[in-house]
Amino acid sequence: MGHVAWFAEHHVLGGASSPSRLRGRADGDALYDSAAVAHGTRWALPLPTLGETLDYLAAVERDAVVAIRDGRASSQQVRLAIDHEDMHGEAFAMRMQALGGAPPDPCHGLAAEGCPVERGGEGDLAGDARVPGGSFLLGASDDGHALDNERDGHLVELKPFAIARAPVTQAAFAAFAEDGGYRRPELWSAEGWQWRRLAGADGPLYWRRAGGRLERSEFGRWVPLEPHRPVVNVCWYESEAFCQWAGRRLPSEAEWEGAAVGVPGPDGRLSGKRRLPWGDESPGPERAHLDARSWRTFDVAALPAGDSAFGCRQMIGNVWEWTASPFLPYPGFRPGRYPEYSQPSFGTHKVLRGGCFVTRGRLLRSTWRNFYAPDRRDPWAGFRTCAP
């Protein structure tokens, strides 16, 4: 929480010369600069109390509002601080799940607009969408708010492919696990099998067998599997092994973005792209499950109003989706206002797309690239598959 305040102070108010720093937290850099303070030392820091941290947050917020009103803070600076806070808000929710804490009333989520309704279809959504080949602009081109790893939009050539209309469900992943998927090394890459052995994994994080049935932990309570909801809390290695078992593969991030926002032209090939899967309108509750309107995933067949031009559903919201792609810079990469954001993770992380049910809608774009190490299972991440 202190780091969120420090980041806003640093990027909006000028860091050490900010009015809030001069009035109080002279030790902010030593406590909260995530680029300089090593992970292994953070639990030993002389952190202030919760009350003092909240006072620091409030002081930075007051000064930031004044700076915005006086025109001393640019929209780019403010947007970066908001994006950063939104990302940490999702991380706070992940910690709540990991620690078994109860979420807020689902009718009063992060951006609740009344109690949530699981609109549209229920149950499974089988089958593939066929996406034609063609030249496709991958990444952001003219979005002034895009982060450095989304820039610069560049043409890629996609071959025709078939991609699942929906993410892999809990029922499908349970079939993989019940078929010995976690005990068969031939389904795993060498790195994946090594991870599985060291982690002792025999199912997704937060799953257990109880009384002959599979259950999963959801914010501190055990619930039966929901067959038609997407599997979550699986790492990239688990996704890769499932695909090997199912005779499928993960999509590349270019294929994922093409299926999500690509538009077919008169000749049947890809021609242009939308801002979001359904068009240019901002995400609403009828199209995408975002903003913690409900603190659980929806069935993969829900929200048909959010379909892409090719009939892919829930490519924004509900569950993050792993792709096959390593997290690498696009051609011509230049670090942005937050140079520590992307560069340290290039080459060691995998790309995820789409957002999940607690992601802020104002944060997402079709070009947004999330990234985690391939062994991370705490995010609400699942995946969809492609035909081989």
Protein backbone atom coordinates (compact mmCIF):
# COMPACT_ATOMS: atom_id res chain seq x y z
CA MET A 1 0.00 0.00 0.00
CA GLY A 2 2.88 2.33 0.79
CA HIS A 3 4.49 1.49 -2.53
CA VAL A 4 1.32 2.56 -4.37
CA ALA A 5 1.48 5.94 -2.64
CA TRP A 6 5.22 6.24 -3.29
CA PHE A 7 4.77 5.48 -6.98
CA ALA A 8 2.11 8.18 -7.37
CA GLU A 9 4.27 10.62 -5.44
CA HIS A 10 7.28 9.81 -7.60
CA HIS A 11 5.53 9.92 -10.99
CA VAL A 12 2.90 12.62 -10.39
CA LEU A 13 4.40 14.87 -7.72
CA GLY A 14 8.12 14.79 -8.44
CA GLY A 15 9.38 12.35 -5.83
CA ALA A 16 11.75 13.78 -3.23
CA SER A 17 10.64 17.37 -3.90
CA SER A 18 6.93 16.62 -3.53
CA PRO A 19 4.96 18.45 -0.82
CA SER A 20 3.90 15.16 0.80
CA ARG A 21 7.51 13.98 1.01
CA LEU A 22 8.65 17.24 2.53
CA ARG A 23 5.90 16.99 5.16
CA GLY A 24 6.38 13.36 6.10
CA ARG A 25 7.88 10.26 4.46
CA ALA A 26 11.52 11.21 3.88
CA ASP A 27 12.30 7.47 3.93
CA GLY A 28 9.96 6.66 1.02
CA ASP A 29 12.70 5.66 -1.43
CA ALA A 30 14.37 3.33 1.06
CA LEU A 31 11.06 1.61 1.85
CA TYR A 32 9.08 1.55 -1.37
CA ASP A 33 11.30 1.83 -4.47
CA SER A 34 10.69 -1.64 -5.92
CA ALA A 35 13.48 -1.20 -8.47
CA ALA A 36 16.06 -0.64 -5.73
CA VAL A 37 14.82 -2.62 -2.71
CA ALA A 38 15.56 -6.34 -3.13
CA HIS A 39 12.66 -8.76 -2.54
CA GLY A 40 14.60 -10.70 0.07
CA THR A 41 14.96 -7.66 2.32
CA ARG A 42 11.43 -6.31 2.24
CA TRP A 43 10.05 -8.22 5.23
CA ALA A 44 12.85 -6.84 7.40
CA LEU A 45 12.24 -3.17 6.54
CA PRO A 46 11.14 -0.78 9.33
CA LEU A 47 7.73 -0.32 7.73
CA PRO A 48 5.31 2.18 9.26
CA THR A 49 2.08 1.09 10.88
CA LEU A 50 -1.12 0.62 8.91
CA GLY A 51 -2.44 3.93 10.21
CA GLU A 52 0.72 5.77 9.19
CA THR A 53 0.60 4.11 5.76
CA LEU A 54 -3.01 5.19 5.26
CA ASP A 55 -2.07 8.73 6.29
CA TYR A 56 0.70 8.67 3.68
CA LEU A 57 -1.73 7.48 1.01
CA ALA A 58 -4.20 10.22 1.91
CA ALA A 59 -1.51 12.93 1.83
CA VAL A 60 -0.28 11.88 -1.61
CA GLU A 61 -3.84 11.72 -2.91
CA ARG A 62 -4.63 15.24 -1.66
CA ASP A 63 -1.46 16.66 -3.21
CA ALA A 64 -2.02 14.81 -6.48
CA VAL A 65 -5.54 16.22 -6.81
CA VAL A 66 -4.16 19.74 -6.29
CA ALA A 67 -1.41 19.13 -8.86
CA ILE A 68 -3.95 17.91 -11.40
CA ARG A 69 -6.24 20.88 -10.82
CA ASP A 70 -3.29 23.30 -11.12
CA GLY A 71 -2.10 21.71 -14.36
CA ARG A 72 1.23 20.60 -12.85
CA ALA A 73 0.61 16.92 -13.62
CA SER A 74 0.24 15.65 -17.19
CA SER A 75 -2.48 13.20 -18.18
CA GLN A 76 0.22 10.64 -19.05
CA GLN A 77 1.71 10.88 -15.55
CA VAL A 78 -1.68 10.55 -13.89
CA ARG A 79 -2.74 7.64 -16.11
CA LEU A 80 0.49 5.77 -15.35
CA ALA A 81 -0.12 6.15 -11.60
CA ILE A 82 -3.74 4.97 -11.97
CA ASP A 83 -2.71 1.97 -14.10
CA HIS A 84 -0.09 1.06 -11.52
CA GLU A 85 -2.60 1.29 -8.67
CA ASP A 86 -5.10 -0.83 -10.62
CA MET A 87 -2.49 -3.53 -11.16
CA HIS A 88 -1.70 -3.62 -7.46
CA GLY A 89 -5.42 -3.74 -6.67
CA GLU A 90 -5.59 -7.02 -8.56
CA ALA A 91 -2.50 -8.23 -6.72
CA PHE A 92 -4.19 -7.41 -3.38
CA ALA A 93 -7.15 -9.59 -4.46
CA MET A 94 -4.74 -12.42 -5.35
CA ARG A 95 -3.25 -12.19 -1.87
CA MET A 96 -6.74 -12.27 -0.36
CA GLN A 97 -7.39 -15.55 -2.19
CA ALA A 98 -4.00 -16.98 -1.17
CA LEU A 99 -4.59 -16.13 2.51
CA GLY A 100 -8.20 -17.33 2.54
CA GLY A 101 -9.69 -13.91 3.22
CA ALA A 102 -13.31 -13.15 2.43
CA PRO A 103 -13.86 -10.65 -0.38
CA PRO A 104 -16.18 -7.65 -0.03
CA ASP A 105 -19.88 -8.01 -0.66
CA PRO A 106 -20.10 -8.91 -4.37
CA CYS A 107 -22.68 -6.17 -4.84
CA HIS A 108 -20.07 -3.63 -3.75
CA GLY A 109 -17.04 -4.63 -5.82
CA LEU A 110 -14.30 -2.40 -7.09
CA ALA A 111 -16.62 -0.72 -9.58
CA ALA A 112 -19.98 -2.30 -8.87
CA GLU A 113 -22.99 -1.27 -10.90
CA GLY A 114 -25.57 -3.14 -8.89
CA CYS A 115 -25.47 -6.86 -8.20
CA PRO A 116 -23.90 -8.86 -11.04
CA VAL A 117 -25.93 -10.87 -13.53
CA GLU A 118 -24.38 -13.76 -15.45
CA ARG A 119 -25.89 -12.66 -18.73
CA GLY A 120 -26.42 -14.90 -21.72
CA GLY A 121 -25.52 -18.51 -22.16
CA GLU A 122 -24.79 -20.99 -19.42
CA GLY A 123 -22.81 -24.19 -19.58
CA ASP A 124 -20.09 -25.14 -22.03
CA LEU A 125 -19.20 -23.49 -25.34
CA ALA A 126 -17.62 -26.16 -27.47
CA GLY A 127 -16.01 -25.84 -30.85
CA ASP A 128 -13.46 -23.73 -32.66
CA ALA A 129 -13.61 -20.40 -34.39
CA ARG A 130 -11.78 -20.29 -37.71
CA VAL A 131 -9.62 -17.22 -38.22
CA PRO A 132 -8.36 -16.43 -41.72
CA GLY A 133 -4.78 -15.55 -42.44
CA GLY A 134 -3.47 -12.19 -43.53
CA SER A 135 -1.41 -9.22 -42.43
CA PHE A 136 -2.34 -8.08 -38.95
CA LEU A 137 -1.20 -5.06 -36.93
CA LEU A 138 0.04 -6.53 -33.66
CA GLY A 139 0.26 -4.12 -30.75
CA ALA A 140 -0.67 -0.48 -30.17
CA SER A 141 -0.25 2.19 -32.81
CA ASP A 142 -1.87 5.47 -31.77
CA ASP A 143 -3.06 4.84 -28.19
CA GLY A 144 -1.42 7.55 -26.12
CA HIS A 145 -1.90 5.48 -22.95
CA ALA A 146 -0.25 2.28 -24.19
CA LEU A 147 2.63 0.99 -22.09
CA ASP A 148 6.08 0.53 -23.56
CA ASN A 149 5.76 -3.22 -24.19
CA GLU A 150 2.64 -2.68 -26.35
CA ARG A 151 4.50 -0.34 -28.70
CA ASP A 152 5.06 -0.11 -31.55
CA GLY A 153 2.29 -1.71 -33.55
CA HIS A 154 3.83 -3.72 -36.37
CA LEU A 155 2.54 -5.98 -39.11
CA VAL A 156 2.75 -9.73 -38.68
CA GLU A 157 1.66 -12.36 -41.16
CA LEU A 158 -0.80 -14.86 -39.72
CA LYS A 159 -1.62 -18.18 -41.30
CA PRO A 160 -5.23 -19.41 -41.04
CA PHE A 161 -5.87 -21.17 -37.74
CA ALA A 162 -8.64 -22.55 -35.54
CA ILE A 163 -8.95 -21.44 -31.92
CA ALA A 164 -11.36 -22.54 -29.19
CA ARG A 165 -14.38 -20.28 -28.81
CA ALA A 166 -13.97 -20.43 -25.03
CA PRO A 167 -11.31 -21.07 -22.40
CA VAL A 168 -10.66 -24.58 -21.09
CA THR A 169 -13.20 -25.49 -18.42
CA GLN A 170 -12.75 -27.00 -14.98
CA ALA A 171 -14.40 -30.19 -16.24
CA ALA A 172 -11.96 -30.51 -19.15
CA PHE A 173 -8.95 -29.89 -16.94
CA ALA A 174 -10.26 -32.35 -14.32
CA ALA A 175 -10.39 -35.01 -17.07
CA PHE A 176 -6.71 -34.33 -17.78
CA ALA A 177 -5.82 -34.64 -14.10
CA GLU A 178 -7.94 -37.79 -13.63
CA ASP A 179 -6.24 -39.37 -16.66
CA GLY A 180 -2.91 -39.18 -14.86
CA GLY A 181 -1.86 -35.94 -16.49
CA TYR A 182 0.32 -34.98 -13.52
CA ARG A 183 2.01 -38.42 -13.45
CA ARG A 184 2.95 -38.75 -17.14
CA PRO A 185 6.28 -37.12 -17.98
CA GLU A 186 5.72 -37.61 -21.71
CA LEU A 187 3.08 -34.85 -21.58
CA TRP A 188 5.44 -32.30 -20.09
CA SER A 189 8.43 -30.37 -21.36
CA ALA A 190 11.69 -31.02 -19.50
CA GLU A 191 11.37 -27.69 -17.68
CA GLY A 192 7.70 -28.33 -16.93
CA TRP A 193 8.32 -31.80 -15.51
CA GLN A 194 11.11 -30.47 -13.32
CA TRP A 195 8.74 -27.78 -12.02
CA ARG A 196 6.00 -30.36 -11.36
CA ARG A 197 8.33 -32.59 -9.38
CA LEU A 198 9.80 -29.78 -7.29
CA ALA A 199 6.37 -28.23 -6.66
CA GLY A 200 4.76 -31.60 -5.91
CA ALA A 201 1.82 -30.49 -8.03
CA ASP A 202 -0.97 -33.00 -8.66
CA GLY A 203 -3.65 -30.52 -9.69
CA PRO A 204 -4.27 -26.80 -10.03
CA LEU A 205 -3.46 -24.55 -7.10
CA TYR A 206 -6.32 -24.49 -4.56
CA TRP A 207 -7.71 -27.89 -5.70
CA ARG A 208 -8.08 -30.94 -3.45
CA ARG A 209 -9.80 -34.32 -3.44
CA ALA A 210 -12.33 -34.73 -0.63
CA GLY A 211 -14.71 -37.64 -0.20
CA GLY A 212 -14.21 -38.88 -3.74
CA ARG A 213 -14.80 -35.54 -5.42
CA LEU A 214 -12.62 -32.64 -6.49
CA GLU A 215 -13.04 -29.31 -4.75
CA ARG A 216 -11.34 -25.96 -4.95
CA SER A 217 -10.74 -23.23 -2.41
CA GLU A 218 -12.43 -19.91 -3.14
CA PHE A 219 -11.55 -17.11 -0.71
CA GLY A 220 -11.25 -19.47 2.23
CA ARG A 221 -14.17 -21.82 1.57
CA TRP A 222 -14.15 -25.15 -0.26
CA VAL A 223 -16.63 -25.50 -3.13
CA PRO A 224 -17.31 -28.30 -5.63
CA LEU A 225 -15.84 -27.85 -9.08
CA GLU A 226 -18.04 -25.86 -11.45
CA PRO A 227 -17.78 -27.89 -14.66
CA HIS A 228 -18.47 -25.05 -17.09
CA ARG A 229 -16.45 -22.31 -15.44
CA PRO A 230 -12.89 -21.79 -16.69
CA VAL A 231 -10.02 -23.49 -14.95
CA VAL A 232 -7.91 -20.91 -13.09
CA ASN A 233 -4.71 -20.84 -11.02
CA VAL A 234 -2.79 -23.00 -13.49
CA CYS A 235 0.70 -22.10 -14.61
CA TRP A 236 2.08 -22.04 -18.13
CA TYR A 237 3.66 -25.48 -17.71
CA GLU A 238 0.29 -26.99 -16.74
CA SER A 239 -1.35 -25.34 -19.74
CA GLU A 240 1.34 -26.75 -22.02
CA ALA A 241 0.92 -30.27 -20.61
CA PHE A 242 -2.87 -30.13 -21.01
CA CYS A 243 -2.44 -29.16 -24.66
CA GLN A 244 -0.10 -32.11 -25.25
CA TRP A 245 -2.67 -34.43 -23.65
CA ALA A 246 -5.54 -32.98 -25.68
CA GLY A 247 -3.68 -32.89 -29.01
CA ARG A 248 -3.93 -29.10 -29.08
CA ARG A 249 -1.57 -26.14 -28.62
CA LEU A 250 -1.51 -22.70 -27.03
CA PRO A 251 -2.08 -19.75 -29.37
CA SER A 252 0.70 -17.30 -30.02
CA GLU A 253 -0.06 -13.82 -28.74
CA ALA A 254 -0.42 -12.65 -32.36
CA GLU A 255 -3.01 -15.37 -32.98
CA TRP A 256 -4.78 -14.49 -29.74
CA GLU A 257 -4.98 -10.79 -30.64
CA GLY A 258 -6.06 -11.60 -34.21
CA ALA A 259 -8.88 -13.85 -32.95
CA ALA A 260 -9.91 -11.24 -30.37
CA VAL A 261 -10.03 -8.05 -32.44
CA GLY A 262 -9.23 -8.93 -36.04
CA VAL A 263 -11.82 -8.16 -38.71
CA PRO A 264 -12.33 -10.18 -41.92
CA GLY A 265 -12.15 -8.23 -45.17
CA PRO A 266 -14.18 -8.69 -48.39
CA ASP A 267 -11.59 -11.16 -49.65
CA GLY A 268 -11.99 -13.29 -46.53
CA ARG A 269 -8.56 -12.41 -45.16
CA LEU A 270 -7.79 -10.37 -42.08
CA SER A 271 -8.36 -6.68 -42.68
CA GLY A 272 -7.93 -4.23 -39.80
CA LYS A 273 -8.79 -4.59 -36.13
CA ARG A 274 -11.28 -3.38 -33.57
CA ARG A 275 -10.40 -1.63 -30.33
CA LEU A 276 -12.08 -4.41 -28.33
CA PRO A 277 -13.55 -7.75 -29.41
CA TRP A 278 -17.09 -6.40 -29.88
CA GLY A 279 -16.18 -2.99 -31.28
CA ASP A 280 -15.19 0.39 -29.95
CA GLU A 281 -17.59 0.64 -26.99
CA SER A 282 -16.07 0.47 -23.52
CA PRO A 283 -16.55 -2.78 -21.55
CA GLY A 284 -19.94 -2.99 -19.87
CA PRO A 285 -21.30 -5.78 -17.67
CA GLU A 286 -23.23 -7.25 -20.60
CA ARG A 287 -20.01 -7.78 -22.59
CA ALA A 288 -17.19 -8.50 -20.14
CA HIS A 289 -16.81 -9.77 -16.58
CA LEU A 290 -14.44 -7.20 -15.03
CA ASP A 291 -14.10 -4.82 -12.08
CA ALA A 292 -14.96 -7.45 -9.42
CA ARG A 293 -18.67 -7.05 -10.08
CA SER A 294 -18.74 -10.65 -8.89
CA TRP A 295 -15.90 -12.27 -6.97
CA ARG A 296 -16.00 -15.48 -9.02
CA THR A 297 -15.78 -16.48 -12.65
CA PHE A 298 -18.76 -16.94 -14.95
CA ASP A 299 -19.56 -19.95 -17.14
CA VAL A 300 -17.52 -19.86 -20.35
CA ALA A 301 -20.71 -19.54 -22.42
CA ALA A 302 -21.87 -16.37 -20.65
CA LEU A 303 -21.79 -12.86 -22.16
CA PRO A 304 -22.36 -13.57 -25.87
CA ALA A 305 -22.62 -9.81 -26.47
CA GLY A 306 -18.85 -9.69 -25.99
CA ASP A 307 -18.03 -12.07 -28.86
CA SER A 308 -15.30 -11.21 -31.32
CA ALA A 309 -15.91 -10.99 -35.07
CA PHE A 310 -15.02 -14.69 -35.31
CA GLY A 311 -17.23 -15.84 -32.44
CA CYS A 312 -14.62 -16.10 -29.68
CA ARG A 313 -16.17 -15.39 -26.28
CA GLN A 314 -14.78 -13.74 -23.13
CA MET A 315 -11.50 -12.63 -24.66
CA ILE A 316 -11.76 -9.65 -22.33
CA GLY A 317 -12.40 -10.42 -18.68
CA ASN A 318 -13.34 -13.51 -16.66
CA VAL A 319 -9.90 -15.18 -16.79
CA TRP A 320 -6.40 -14.26 -17.96
CA GLU A 321 -5.21 -16.50 -20.79
CA TRP A 322 -1.71 -17.86 -21.22
CA THR A 323 -0.26 -17.73 -24.72
CA ALA A 324 2.63 -19.69 -26.21
CA SER A 325 4.69 -16.53 -26.64
CA PRO A 326 7.68 -15.54 -24.56
CA PHE A 327 7.54 -11.98 -23.28
CA LEU A 328 9.91 -10.13 -25.59
CA PRO A 329 10.15 -6.51 -26.78
CA TYR A 330 8.45 -5.54 -30.00
CA PRO A 331 10.70 -4.21 -32.78
CA GLY A 332 11.92 -0.71 -32.00
CA PHE A 333 11.20 -1.03 -28.27
CA ARG A 334 11.89 2.08 -26.20
CA PRO A 335 11.49 2.16 -22.41
CA GLY A 336 8.57 4.27 -21.22
CA ARG A 337 8.03 6.53 -18.21
CA TYR A 338 8.35 3.46 -15.98
CA PRO A 339 11.54 1.84 -17.36
CA GLU A 340 11.55 -0.91 -14.73
CA TYR A 341 8.13 -2.20 -15.81
CA SER A 342 8.96 -4.40 -18.80
CA GLN A 343 12.68 -4.76 -19.37
CA PRO A 344 13.59 -6.92 -16.33
CA SER A 345 11.09 -9.59 -17.44
CA PHE A 346 12.00 -9.90 -21.11
CA GLY A 347 13.00 -13.43 -22.02
CA THR A 348 12.05 -15.05 -18.70
CA HIS A 349 8.26 -14.58 -18.63
CA LYS A 350 5.31 -15.68 -20.79
CA VAL A 351 2.59 -13.44 -22.21
CA LEU A 352 -1.00 -13.52 -20.94
CA ARG A 353 -3.88 -11.66 -22.52
CA GLY A 354 -7.41 -10.54 -21.80
CA GLY A 355 -7.81 -9.72 -18.09
CA CYS A 356 -9.82 -11.51 -15.40
CA PHE A 357 -12.89 -10.85 -13.28
CA VAL A 358 -11.06 -8.55 -10.85
CA THR A 359 -9.12 -6.58 -13.50
CA ARG A 360 -10.21 -2.96 -13.87
CA GLY A 361 -11.97 -2.37 -17.17
CA ARG A 362 -10.34 1.04 -17.59
CA LEU A 363 -6.95 -0.70 -17.49
CA LEU A 364 -7.47 -3.05 -20.42
CA ARG A 365 -6.94 -2.74 -24.13
CA SER A 366 -6.88 -5.45 -26.76
CA THR A 367 -3.13 -4.85 -26.98
CA TRP A 368 -2.47 -5.15 -23.22
CA ARG A 369 0.34 -7.63 -22.49
CA ASN A 370 0.41 -9.15 -19.04
CA PHE A 371 3.41 -11.30 -18.18
CA TYR A 372 4.30 -13.83 -15.53
CA ALA A 373 7.03 -16.42 -15.01
CA PRO A 374 5.86 -19.81 -16.37
CA ASP A 375 5.64 -21.32 -12.88
CA ARG A 376 3.24 -18.71 -11.43
CA ARG A 377 -0.12 -20.16 -10.37
CA ASP A 378 -1.52 -17.48 -8.07
CA PRO A 379 -2.96 -15.23 -10.83
CA TRP A 380 -6.47 -15.97 -12.07
CA ALA A 381 -5.01 -17.40 -15.26
CA GLY A 382 -6.40 -20.07 -17.53
CA PHE A 383 -6.01 -20.62 -21.26
CA ARG A 384 -7.73 -21.48 -24.52
CA THR A 385 -6.33 -23.83 -27.12
CA CYS A 386 -5.76 -23.98 -30.85
CA ALA A 387 -6.05 -26.86 -33.27
CA PRO A 388 -2.57 -28.27 -33.99
